[in-house]
Amino acid sequence: MESETLAVAAKAFAIAIGGTLPAWAIGTIVSKAMEAIGRNPEAGDKLFVPMLLGMAFAEAIAIYALVVAFTL
């Protein structure tokens, strides 16, 4: 295979995995937080900030994958 083809395949793989898994993680984080709030509505204020932090860290991984795809 040519080097350009391998570079495009590596970019595609990096952005596919780097976009899919953080999206799954964010969905899981929000799902579990909503489930916990549904069980205990008073815990909504206590869960909101940790939920946002977890989502931000997962989103940072997606941004890192985008940067890797652009630098390859």
N, C-alpha and C. Protein backbone atom coordinates (compact mmCIF):
# COMPACT_ATOMS: atom_id res chain seq x y z
N MET A 1 0.84 -1.17 0.00
CA MET A 1 0.00 0.00 0.00
C MET A 1 0.89 1.25 0.00
N GLU A 2 0.36 2.28 -0.55
CA GLU A 2 1.10 3.54 -0.58
C GLU A 2 1.05 4.22 0.78
N SER A 3 2.00 5.09 1.00
CA SER A 3 2.06 5.77 2.30
C SER A 3 0.88 6.73 2.50
N GLU A 4 0.42 7.33 1.39
CA GLU A 4 -0.75 8.21 1.51
C GLU A 4 -1.99 7.44 1.91
N THR A 5 -2.14 6.25 1.37
CA THR A 5 -3.29 5.42 1.71
C THR A 5 -3.25 5.03 3.18
N LEU A 6 -2.06 4.66 3.65
CA LEU A 6 -1.93 4.31 5.07
C LEU A 6 -2.19 5.51 5.96
N ALA A 7 -1.76 6.69 5.55
CA ALA A 7 -2.00 7.89 6.35
C ALA A 7 -3.49 8.20 6.43
N VAL A 8 -4.19 8.08 5.33
CA VAL A 8 -5.64 8.33 5.33
C VAL A 8 -6.36 7.30 6.17
N ALA A 9 -5.93 6.04 6.08
CA ALA A 9 -6.54 4.99 6.89
C ALA A 9 -6.29 5.24 8.38
N ALA A 10 -5.09 5.69 8.73
CA ALA A 10 -4.79 5.98 10.13
C ALA A 10 -5.62 7.15 10.64
N LYS A 11 -5.78 8.17 9.80
CA LYS A 11 -6.62 9.31 10.19
C LYS A 11 -8.07 8.87 10.40
N ALA A 12 -8.57 8.07 9.47
CA ALA A 12 -9.95 7.60 9.58
C ALA A 12 -10.15 6.76 10.83
N PHE A 13 -9.19 5.89 11.12
CA PHE A 13 -9.29 5.05 12.31
C PHE A 13 -9.23 5.90 13.58
N ALA A 14 -8.32 6.87 13.61
CA ALA A 14 -8.18 7.71 14.81
C ALA A 14 -9.44 8.51 15.08
N ILE A 15 -10.02 9.09 14.06
CA ILE A 15 -11.21 9.91 14.29
C ILE A 15 -12.45 9.05 14.52
N ALA A 16 -12.50 7.86 13.92
CA ALA A 16 -13.66 6.98 14.14
C ALA A 16 -13.68 6.47 15.58
N ILE A 17 -12.56 5.94 16.04
CA ILE A 17 -12.50 5.45 17.41
C ILE A 17 -12.54 6.61 18.40
N GLY A 18 -11.82 7.68 18.07
CA GLY A 18 -11.76 8.84 18.96
C GLY A 18 -13.06 9.61 19.04
N GLY A 19 -13.96 9.40 18.12
CA GLY A 19 -15.26 10.05 18.18
C GLY A 19 -16.35 9.16 18.74
N THR A 20 -16.26 7.87 18.44
CA THR A 20 -17.30 6.93 18.85
C THR A 20 -17.24 6.64 20.35
N LEU A 21 -16.07 6.31 20.84
CA LEU A 21 -15.98 5.92 22.25
C LEU A 21 -16.27 7.07 23.22
N PRO A 22 -15.78 8.29 22.98
CA PRO A 22 -16.19 9.37 23.88
C PRO A 22 -17.69 9.67 23.82
N ALA A 23 -18.30 9.53 22.64
CA ALA A 23 -19.74 9.73 22.54
C ALA A 23 -20.49 8.69 23.37
N TRP A 24 -20.00 7.46 23.32
CA TRP A 24 -20.60 6.39 24.13
C TRP A 24 -20.41 6.69 25.61
N ALA A 25 -19.23 7.17 25.97
CA ALA A 25 -18.96 7.48 27.38
C ALA A 25 -19.85 8.61 27.88
N ILE A 26 -20.02 9.64 27.07
CA ILE A 26 -20.88 10.76 27.47
C ILE A 26 -22.32 10.29 27.64
N GLY A 27 -22.78 9.47 26.73
CA GLY A 27 -24.13 8.92 26.85
C GLY A 27 -24.32 8.10 28.11
N THR A 28 -23.31 7.31 28.45
CA THR A 28 -23.39 6.50 29.66
C THR A 28 -23.37 7.38 30.91
N ILE A 29 -22.52 8.39 30.90
CA ILE A 29 -22.44 9.29 32.06
C ILE A 29 -23.79 9.97 32.30
N VAL A 30 -24.38 10.51 31.25
CA VAL A 30 -25.65 11.21 31.40
C VAL A 30 -26.76 10.24 31.78
N SER A 31 -26.75 9.06 31.20
CA SER A 31 -27.76 8.06 31.51
C SER A 31 -27.73 7.68 32.99
N LYS A 32 -26.55 7.42 33.49
CA LYS A 32 -26.43 7.05 34.91
C LYS A 32 -26.77 8.21 35.84
N ALA A 33 -26.41 9.42 35.43
CA ALA A 33 -26.75 10.58 36.26
C ALA A 33 -28.26 10.79 36.30
N MET A 34 -28.92 10.65 35.17
CA MET A 34 -30.38 10.82 35.15
C MET A 34 -31.07 9.70 35.93
N GLU A 35 -30.50 8.51 35.86
CA GLU A 35 -31.04 7.39 36.64
C GLU A 35 -30.91 7.67 38.14
N ALA A 36 -29.76 8.19 38.54
CA ALA A 36 -29.56 8.51 39.96
C ALA A 36 -30.47 9.64 40.40
N ILE A 37 -30.65 10.64 39.57
CA ILE A 37 -31.55 11.76 39.92
C ILE A 37 -32.99 11.27 39.97
N GLY A 38 -33.34 10.33 39.10
CA GLY A 38 -34.69 9.77 39.15
C GLY A 38 -34.96 9.01 40.43
N ARG A 39 -33.94 8.35 40.96
CA ARG A 39 -34.10 7.62 42.21
C ARG A 39 -34.11 8.56 43.41
N ASN A 40 -33.29 9.62 43.34
CA ASN A 40 -33.17 10.54 44.46
C ASN A 40 -33.11 11.96 43.91
N PRO A 41 -34.25 12.61 43.73
CA PRO A 41 -34.28 13.95 43.11
C PRO A 41 -33.49 15.01 43.87
N GLU A 42 -33.32 14.84 45.17
CA GLU A 42 -32.56 15.82 45.94
C GLU A 42 -31.07 15.79 45.61
N ALA A 43 -30.60 14.73 44.99
CA ALA A 43 -29.17 14.60 44.67
C ALA A 43 -28.81 15.27 43.35
N GLY A 44 -29.76 15.91 42.71
CA GLY A 44 -29.52 16.54 41.41
C GLY A 44 -28.42 17.59 41.46
N ASP A 45 -28.43 18.41 42.50
CA ASP A 45 -27.41 19.45 42.62
C ASP A 45 -26.03 18.86 42.87
N LYS A 46 -25.98 17.77 43.62
CA LYS A 46 -24.69 17.15 43.93
C LYS A 46 -24.12 16.39 42.73
N LEU A 47 -24.97 15.92 41.85
CA LEU A 47 -24.53 15.13 40.70
C LEU A 47 -24.19 15.97 39.48
N PHE A 48 -24.68 17.18 39.43
CA PHE A 48 -24.55 17.99 38.22
C PHE A 48 -23.09 18.32 37.88
N VAL A 49 -22.34 18.82 38.84
CA VAL A 49 -20.95 19.21 38.57
C VAL A 49 -20.08 18.00 38.24
N PRO A 50 -20.13 16.89 39.00
CA PRO A 50 -19.32 15.73 38.60
C PRO A 50 -19.72 15.18 37.23
N MET A 51 -21.01 15.25 36.90
CA MET A 51 -21.45 14.80 35.58
C MET A 51 -20.84 15.66 34.49
N LEU A 52 -20.85 16.97 34.67
CA LEU A 52 -20.26 17.87 33.68
C LEU A 52 -18.75 17.66 33.56
N LEU A 53 -18.08 17.44 34.66
CA LEU A 53 -16.64 17.18 34.62
C LEU A 53 -16.33 15.89 33.86
N GLY A 54 -17.09 14.85 34.13
CA GLY A 54 -16.90 13.59 33.41
C GLY A 54 -17.14 13.74 31.93
N MET A 55 -18.16 14.52 31.57
CA MET A 55 -18.44 14.75 30.16
C MET A 55 -17.31 15.57 29.51
N ALA A 56 -16.77 16.53 30.23
CA ALA A 56 -15.68 17.35 29.69
C ALA A 56 -14.44 16.52 29.47
N PHE A 57 -14.12 15.61 30.39
CA PHE A 57 -12.95 14.76 30.21
C PHE A 57 -13.14 13.81 29.04
N ALA A 58 -14.33 13.27 28.86
CA ALA A 58 -14.59 12.40 27.73
C ALA A 58 -14.52 13.18 26.42
N GLU A 59 -15.01 14.38 26.42
CA GLU A 59 -14.96 15.21 25.22
C GLU A 59 -13.53 15.61 24.89
N ALA A 60 -12.70 15.77 25.90
CA ALA A 60 -11.29 16.10 25.65
C ALA A 60 -10.60 14.97 24.88
N ILE A 61 -10.97 13.74 25.14
CA ILE A 61 -10.40 12.62 24.40
C ILE A 61 -10.78 12.71 22.93
N ALA A 62 -12.00 13.10 22.64
CA ALA A 62 -12.43 13.27 21.25
C ALA A 62 -11.64 14.40 20.58
N ILE A 63 -11.38 15.46 21.30
CA ILE A 63 -10.61 16.56 20.75
C ILE A 63 -9.18 16.13 20.49
N TYR A 64 -8.61 15.32 21.40
CA TYR A 64 -7.26 14.80 21.17
C TYR A 64 -7.22 13.94 19.91
N ALA A 65 -8.25 13.14 19.68
CA ALA A 65 -8.29 12.31 18.47
C ALA A 65 -8.38 13.18 17.24
N LEU A 66 -9.11 14.26 17.30
CA LEU A 66 -9.19 15.19 16.16
C LEU A 66 -7.83 15.82 15.88
N VAL A 67 -7.13 16.21 16.93
CA VAL A 67 -5.80 16.79 16.74
C VAL A 67 -4.85 15.78 16.14
N VAL A 68 -4.91 14.54 16.62
CA VAL A 68 -4.06 13.48 16.06
C VAL A 68 -4.38 13.26 14.58
N ALA A 69 -5.67 13.27 14.24
CA ALA A 69 -6.05 13.08 12.83
C ALA A 69 -5.53 14.21 11.97
N PHE A 70 -5.51 15.43 12.49
CA PHE A 70 -5.00 16.55 11.70
C PHE A 70 -3.47 16.54 11.59
N THR A 71 -2.79 16.01 12.61
CA THR A 71 -1.33 16.01 12.57
C THR A 71 -0.75 14.84 11.80
N LEU A 72 -1.52 13.80 11.56
CA LEU A 72 -1.00 12.66 10.80
C LEU A 72 -0.79 13.00 9.34
